[in-house]
C-alpha atoms as a PDB file:
ATOM      1  CA  MET A   1      24.051  -9.384  57.509  1.00  0.00           C
ATOM      2  CA  MET A   2      26.795  -9.029  55.165  1.00  0.00           C
ATOM      3  CA  LYS A   3      26.162  -8.231  51.500  1.00  0.00           C
ATOM      4  CA  LYS A   4      27.477 -10.266  48.840  1.00  0.00           C
ATOM      5  CA  PRO A   5      30.192  -8.163  46.746  1.00  0.00           C
ATOM      6  CA  TRP A   6      28.789  -6.953  43.583  1.00  0.00           C
ATOM      7  CA  THR A   7      30.596  -8.214  40.290  1.00  0.00           C
ATOM      8  CA  TRP A   8      29.634  -8.218  36.607  1.00  0.00           C
ATOM      9  CA  LYS A   9      28.662 -11.826  36.873  1.00  0.00           C
ATOM     10  CA  ASN A  10      25.588 -10.786  39.229  1.00  0.00           C
ATOM     11  CA  VAL A  11      23.845  -8.650  36.271  1.00  0.00           C
ATOM     12  CA  GLU A  12      21.550 -10.258  33.978  1.00  0.00           C
ATOM     13  CA  ILE A  13      20.981  -8.788  30.704  1.00  0.00           C
ATOM     14  CA  ALA A  14      17.599  -9.532  28.957  1.00  0.00           C
ATOM     15  CA  PRO A  15      18.883 -11.410  25.682  1.00  0.00           C
ATOM     16  CA  ASN A  16      17.140  -9.044  23.088  1.00  0.00           C
ATOM     17  CA  LEU A  17      18.613  -5.924  25.352  1.00  0.00           C
ATOM     18  CA  SER A  18      22.133  -7.594  24.904  1.00  0.00           C
ATOM     19  CA  GLU A  19      21.853  -8.276  21.165  1.00  0.00           C
ATOM     20  CA  LYS A  20      20.660  -4.789  20.507  1.00  0.00           C
ATOM     21  CA  LEU A  21      23.702  -3.368  22.646  1.00  0.00           C
ATOM     22  CA  GLN A  22      26.013  -5.597  20.621  1.00  0.00           C
ATOM     23  CA  GLN A  23      24.850  -4.209  17.394  1.00  0.00           C
ATOM     24  CA  GLU A  24      24.761  -0.602  18.551  1.00  0.00           C
ATOM     25  CA  PHE A  25      28.581  -1.403  19.675  1.00  0.00           C
ATOM     26  CA  GLU A  26      29.157  -2.808  16.195  1.00  0.00           C
ATOM     27  CA  VAL A  27      27.572   0.198  14.449  1.00  0.00           C
ATOM     28  CA  SER A  28      29.927   2.469  16.296  1.00  0.00           C
ATOM     29  CA  PHE A  29      32.983   0.122  15.661  1.00  0.00           C
ATOM     30  CA  PHE A  30      32.175   0.092  11.950  1.00  0.00           C
ATOM     31  CA  GLN A  31      31.592   3.725  11.695  1.00  0.00           C
ATOM     32  CA  GLY A  32      34.808   4.465  13.406  1.00  0.00           C
ATOM     33  CA  ALA A  33      36.397   2.129  10.947  1.00  0.00           C
ATOM     34  CA  LEU A  34      35.033   3.932   7.784  1.00  0.00           C
ATOM     35  CA  GLU A  35      36.476   7.237   9.238  1.00  0.00           C
ATOM     36  CA  GLN A  36      39.937   5.671   8.737  1.00  0.00           C
ATOM     37  CA  ASP A  37      38.952   4.178   5.333  1.00  0.00           C
ATOM     38  CA  PRO A  38      35.728   5.836   3.867  1.00  0.00           C
ATOM     39  CA  GLU A  39      35.683   2.977   0.995  1.00  0.00           C
ATOM     40  CA  ASN A  40      36.518  -0.186   2.707  1.00  0.00           C
ATOM     41  CA  VAL A  41      33.779  -2.378   1.080  1.00  0.00           C
ATOM     42  CA  GLU A  42      34.099  -5.131   3.499  1.00  0.00           C
ATOM     43  CA  VAL A  43      33.381  -2.550   6.769  1.00  0.00           C
ATOM     44  CA  LEU A  44      30.512  -1.048   4.384  1.00  0.00           C
ATOM     45  CA  VAL A  45      28.851  -4.519   3.879  1.00  0.00           C
ATOM     46  CA  THR A  46      29.109  -5.549   7.645  1.00  0.00           C
ATOM     47  CA  LEU A  47      27.542  -2.172   8.637  1.00  0.00           C
ATOM     48  CA  GLY A  48      24.894  -2.554   6.055  1.00  0.00           C
ATOM     49  CA  ASP A  49      24.110  -5.948   7.522  1.00  0.00           C
ATOM     50  CA  VAL A  50      23.924  -4.435  11.233  1.00  0.00           C
ATOM     51  CA  TYR A  51      21.662  -1.451  10.023  1.00  0.00           C
ATOM     52  CA  SER A  52      19.376  -4.233   8.407  1.00  0.00           C
ATOM     53  CA  ARG A  53      19.265  -6.201  11.615  1.00  0.00           C
ATOM     54  CA  LEU A  54      18.441  -3.059  13.517  1.00  0.00           C
ATOM     55  CA  GLY A  55      15.614  -1.890  10.973  1.00  0.00           C
ATOM     56  CA  LYS A  56      17.586   1.251  10.189  1.00  0.00           C
ATOM     57  CA  THR A  57      16.649   1.219   6.405  1.00  0.00           C
ATOM     58  CA  ARG A  58      17.496   4.563   5.708  1.00  0.00           C
ATOM     59  CA  ALA A  59      21.019   4.352   6.981  1.00  0.00           C
ATOM     60  CA  GLY A  60      21.267   1.136   5.074  1.00  0.00           C
ATOM     61  CA  LEU A  61      20.060   2.719   1.927  1.00  0.00           C
ATOM     62  CA  ASP A  62      23.102   5.250   2.390  1.00  0.00           C
ATOM     63  CA  ILE A  63      25.478   2.422   2.744  1.00  0.00           C
ATOM     64  CA  ASP A  64      24.109   0.682  -0.415  1.00  0.00           C
ATOM     65  CA  LYS A  65      24.373   3.830  -2.495  1.00  0.00           C
ATOM     66  CA  ARG A  66      28.110   4.190  -1.288  1.00  0.00           C
ATOM     67  CA  LEU A  67      28.621   0.450  -2.303  1.00  0.00           C
ATOM     68  CA  VAL A  68      27.146   0.914  -5.705  1.00  0.00           C
ATOM     69  CA  ARG A  69      29.355   3.995  -6.264  1.00  0.00           C
ATOM     70  CA  ILE A  70      32.600   2.194  -5.234  1.00  0.00           C
ATOM     71  CA  CYS A  71      31.676  -1.042  -6.978  1.00  0.00           C
ATOM     72  CA  PRO A  72      29.370  -0.184  -9.839  1.00  0.00           C
ATOM     73  CA  ASP A  73      29.671  -3.691 -11.630  1.00  0.00           C
ATOM     74  CA  GLU A  74      28.630  -5.702  -8.548  1.00  0.00           C
ATOM     75  CA  PRO A  75      25.359  -7.260  -8.994  1.00  0.00           C
ATOM     76  CA  THR A  76      24.659  -8.017  -5.398  1.00  0.00           C
ATOM     77  CA  PHE A  77      25.277  -4.350  -4.253  1.00  0.00           C
ATOM     78  CA  HIS A  78      22.374  -3.054  -6.799  1.00  0.00           C
ATOM     79  CA  TYR A  79      19.812  -6.051  -5.521  1.00  0.00           C
ATOM     80  CA  ASN A  80      20.672  -4.717  -2.012  1.00  0.00           C
ATOM     81  CA  LEU A  81      19.823  -1.081  -3.308  1.00  0.00           C
ATOM     82  CA  ALA A  82      16.811  -2.179  -4.775  1.00  0.00           C
ATOM     83  CA  CYS A  83      15.669  -3.901  -1.421  1.00  0.00           C
ATOM     84  CA  SER A  84      16.315  -0.693   0.596  1.00  0.00           C
ATOM     85  CA  TYR A  85      14.603   1.447  -1.909  1.00  0.00           C
ATOM     86  CA  SER A  86      11.594  -1.040  -1.806  1.00  0.00           C
ATOM     87  CA  LEU A  87      11.487  -1.016   1.990  1.00  0.00           C
ATOM     88  CA  LEU A  88      11.213   2.740   2.013  1.00  0.00           C
ATOM     89  CA  GLY A  89       8.632   2.615  -0.633  1.00  0.00           C
ATOM     90  CA  ASP A  90      10.581   4.270  -3.491  1.00  0.00           C
ATOM     91  CA  LEU A  91       9.418   2.025  -5.973  1.00  0.00           C
ATOM     92  CA  ASP A  92      11.066   3.958  -9.173  1.00  0.00           C
ATOM     93  CA  PRO A  93      14.486   3.672  -8.019  1.00  0.00           C
ATOM     94  CA  ALA A  94      13.918   0.218  -6.627  1.00  0.00           C
ATOM     95  CA  LEU A  95      12.918  -1.114 -10.013  1.00  0.00           C
ATOM     96  CA  LYS A  96      15.822   0.677 -11.609  1.00  0.00           C
ATOM     97  CA  ALA A  97      18.418  -0.795  -9.229  1.00  0.00           C
ATOM     98  CA  LEU A  98      16.799  -4.220  -9.465  1.00  0.00           C
ATOM     99  CA  GLU A  99      16.958  -4.081 -13.161  1.00  0.00           C
ATOM    100  CA  LYS A 100      20.756  -2.930 -13.338  1.00  0.00           C
ATOM    101  CA  ALA A 101      21.527  -5.786 -10.856  1.00  0.00           C
ATOM    102  CA  ILE A 102      19.817  -8.434 -13.293  1.00  0.00           C
ATOM    103  CA  GLN A 103      21.727  -6.764 -16.286  1.00  0.00           C
ATOM    104  CA  LEU A 104      24.869  -7.030 -14.428  1.00  0.00           C
ATOM    105  CA  GLY A 105      24.191 -10.814 -13.982  1.00  0.00           C
ATOM    106  CA  TYR A 106      22.254 -11.118 -10.726  1.00  0.00           C
ATOM    107  CA  GLN A 107      20.429 -14.599 -11.351  1.00  0.00           C
ATOM    108  CA  ASN A 108      18.966 -15.831  -8.043  1.00  0.00           C
ATOM    109  CA  PHE A 109      15.386 -15.499  -9.254  1.00  0.00           C
ATOM    110  CA  GLU A 110      13.887 -17.760  -6.657  1.00  0.00           C
ATOM    111  CA  HIS A 111      15.384 -15.638  -3.827  1.00  0.00           C
ATOM    112  CA  LEU A 112      14.156 -12.426  -5.764  1.00  0.00           C
ATOM    113  CA  LYS A 113      10.596 -13.794  -5.849  1.00  0.00           C
ATOM    114  CA  LYS A 114      10.181 -14.398  -2.269  1.00  0.00           C
ATOM    115  CA  ASP A 115      12.520 -11.765  -0.469  1.00  0.00           C
ATOM    116  CA  SER A 116      10.282  -9.706   1.876  1.00  0.00           C
ATOM    117  CA  ASP A 117      12.295  -6.910   1.187  1.00  0.00           C
ATOM    118  CA  LEU A 118      10.704  -6.617  -2.098  1.00  0.00           C
ATOM    119  CA  ASP A 119       7.152  -7.008  -1.095  1.00  0.00           C
ATOM    120  CA  ASN A 120       6.558  -3.310  -1.854  1.00  0.00           C
ATOM    121  CA  LEU A 121       8.283  -3.681  -5.440  1.00  0.00           C
ATOM    122  CA  ARG A 122       6.184  -6.826  -6.065  1.00  0.00           C
ATOM    123  CA  GLN A 123       3.181  -4.983  -5.788  1.00  0.00           C
ATOM    124  CA  ASP A 124       3.900  -2.805  -8.954  1.00  0.00           C
ATOM    125  CA  GLY A 125       3.169  -4.505 -12.283  1.00  0.00           C
ATOM    126  CA  ARG A 126       6.572  -3.410 -13.751  1.00  0.00           C
ATOM    127  CA  PHE A 127       8.156  -5.921 -11.347  1.00  0.00           C
ATOM    128  CA  HIS A 128       6.357  -8.695 -13.031  1.00  0.00           C
ATOM    129  CA  VAL A 129       7.419  -7.424 -16.441  1.00  0.00           C
ATOM    130  CA  LEU A 130      10.872  -7.354 -15.279  1.00  0.00           C
ATOM    131  CA  LEU A 131      10.721 -10.982 -14.222  1.00  0.00           C
ATOM    132  CA  LYS A 132       8.908 -12.113 -17.568  1.00  0.00           C
ATOM    133  CA  THR A 133      11.771 -10.352 -19.371  1.00  0.00           C
ATOM    134  CA  HIS A 134      14.555 -11.673 -17.573  1.00  0.00           C
ATOM    135  CA  ALA A 135      13.935 -14.520 -15.439  1.00  0.00           C
ATOM    136  CA  PRO A 136      14.213 -18.080 -16.931  1.00  0.00           C
ATOM    137  CA  GLN A 137      10.907 -19.685 -17.374  1.00  0.00           C
ATOM    138  CA  THR A 138      10.112 -22.825 -15.238  1.00  0.00           C
END
C-alpha cells in the first residue's frame, strides 16, 4: 500500500490555534519594525491592539505609555492608557489618565460608560464624580 505524499494541505490547524499563531507572528513582526523605528505610531498602535487581543495587558500598558509620551495631546492614547491601568487594577493612574483624556477632548462617554476595560475603575467613586463633572447630562 502506497502512502499519499505529505503536503501542507493535509495539515489541519484548529482555528483558535491558527489565530493565536497569527497574533504571535504579528507581535514578532511589529516588534522587529519597532527596532528600526521605535517611535512609529502606526506600528505601536497595531502592536498594542495585538497585545490586547492576546490578553497581554502589561505589554499593552508599556505600548500605551510610549504612545502617550510620543503623542501627549492625543486623547485616545490617554483613554487607552486608562483602560490598561484599570485592567491591571491600578486605579489611581487609571483615573488620572482618563481625566487627562477627557481634558484633551475625549468625548465618547457612551463607550466609556460601558467599556469593560474600565470595570475596575467604575467601582471607584471617583470615576462617577469624574463623569458627573465632565459628561453631558442626558
